[in-house]
Amino acid sequence: MIENLILGAFLVVPLLIVAFLFSDELWQERHLEARLARSRRMNWRHPLRSLKHRH
């Protein structure tokens, strides 16, 4: 009985760790794609105005 609990813990804990790391990687990838999409927007302002308001 106790052996089954220990075996189950050794199987479930690594699975939870892998699931957490994978979900974090997916979140970072989605966040990066959103940042790239924002930076690809066309700037239609006049060149002098965009130089004046550069961040």
C-alpha atoms as a PDB file:
ATOM      1  CA  MET A   1       0.000   0.000   0.000  1.00  0.00           C
ATOM      2  CA  ILE A   2       2.673   2.505   1.008  1.00  0.00           C
ATOM      3  CA  GLU A   3       4.771   1.410  -1.980  1.00  0.00           C
ATOM      4  CA  ASN A   4       1.926   2.396  -4.306  1.00  0.00           C
ATOM      5  CA  LEU A   5       1.743   5.855  -2.744  1.00  0.00           C
ATOM      6  CA  ILE A   6       5.487   6.379  -3.120  1.00  0.00           C
ATOM      7  CA  LEU A   7       5.441   5.115  -6.701  1.00  0.00           C
ATOM      8  CA  GLY A   8       2.461   7.355  -7.477  1.00  0.00           C
ATOM      9  CA  ALA A   9       4.278  10.358  -6.017  1.00  0.00           C
ATOM     10  CA  PHE A  10       7.349   9.620  -8.128  1.00  0.00           C
ATOM     11  CA  LEU A  11       5.164   9.442 -11.227  1.00  0.00           C
ATOM     12  CA  VAL A  12       2.911  12.437 -10.544  1.00  0.00           C
ATOM     13  CA  VAL A  13       5.438  14.993  -9.262  1.00  0.00           C
ATOM     14  CA  PRO A  14       7.686  14.923 -12.389  1.00  0.00           C
ATOM     15  CA  LEU A  15       4.568  15.073 -14.560  1.00  0.00           C
ATOM     16  CA  LEU A  16       3.417  18.218 -12.741  1.00  0.00           C
ATOM     17  CA  ILE A  17       6.863  19.788 -13.091  1.00  0.00           C
ATOM     18  CA  VAL A  18       6.969  19.090 -16.830  1.00  0.00           C
ATOM     19  CA  ALA A  19       3.426  20.424 -17.291  1.00  0.00           C
ATOM     20  CA  PHE A  20       4.313  23.633 -15.427  1.00  0.00           C
ATOM     21  CA  LEU A  21       7.498  24.193 -17.457  1.00  0.00           C
ATOM     22  CA  PHE A  22       5.705  23.511 -20.737  1.00  0.00           C
ATOM     23  CA  SER A  23       2.854  25.901 -19.908  1.00  0.00           C
ATOM     24  CA  ASP A  24       5.384  28.584 -18.918  1.00  0.00           C
ATOM     25  CA  GLU A  25       7.212  28.116 -22.227  1.00  0.00           C
ATOM     26  CA  LEU A  26       3.947  28.445 -24.156  1.00  0.00           C
ATOM     27  CA  TRP A  27       3.056  31.607 -22.235  1.00  0.00           C
ATOM     28  CA  GLN A  28       6.447  33.174 -22.981  1.00  0.00           C
ATOM     29  CA  GLU A  29       6.152  32.268 -26.663  1.00  0.00           C
ATOM     30  CA  ARG A  30       2.670  33.820 -26.880  1.00  0.00           C
ATOM     31  CA  HIS A  31       3.906  36.938 -25.053  1.00  0.00           C
ATOM     32  CA  LEU A  32       6.826  37.277 -27.485  1.00  0.00           C
ATOM     33  CA  GLU A  33       4.520  36.921 -30.497  1.00  0.00           C
ATOM     34  CA  ALA A  34       2.243  39.639 -29.114  1.00  0.00           C
ATOM     35  CA  ARG A  35       5.218  41.954 -28.569  1.00  0.00           C
ATOM     36  CA  LEU A  36       6.455  41.359 -32.123  1.00  0.00           C
ATOM     37  CA  ALA A  37       2.979  42.005 -33.522  1.00  0.00           C
ATOM     38  CA  ARG A  38       2.837  45.352 -31.699  1.00  0.00           C
ATOM     39  CA  SER A  39       6.257  46.381 -32.990  1.00  0.00           C
ATOM     40  CA  ARG A  40       5.353  45.527 -36.591  1.00  0.00           C
ATOM     41  CA  ARG A  41       2.561  48.086 -36.712  1.00  0.00           C
ATOM     42  CA  MET A  42       3.084  50.687 -39.387  1.00  0.00           C
ATOM     43  CA  ASN A  43       3.943  54.134 -38.116  1.00  0.00           C
ATOM     44  CA  TRP A  44       2.013  56.571 -40.306  1.00  0.00           C
ATOM     45  CA  ARG A  45       3.152  59.697 -38.470  1.00  0.00           C
ATOM     46  CA  HIS A  46       5.298  62.296 -40.132  1.00  0.00           C
ATOM     47  CA  PRO A  47       9.021  61.458 -39.768  1.00  0.00           C
ATOM     48  CA  LEU A  48       9.777  64.634 -37.796  1.00  0.00           C
ATOM     49  CA  ARG A  49       6.894  63.986 -35.426  1.00  0.00           C
ATOM     50  CA  SER A  50       7.979  60.370 -34.885  1.00  0.00           C
ATOM     51  CA  LEU A  51      11.514  61.570 -34.092  1.00  0.00           C
ATOM     52  CA  LYS A  52      10.128  64.076 -31.619  1.00  0.00           C
ATOM     53  CA  HIS A  53       8.045  61.458 -29.770  1.00  0.00           C
ATOM     54  CA  ARG A  54      10.528  58.598 -29.841  1.00  0.00           C
ATOM     55  CA  HIS A  55      10.499  56.371 -26.753  1.00  0.00           C
END
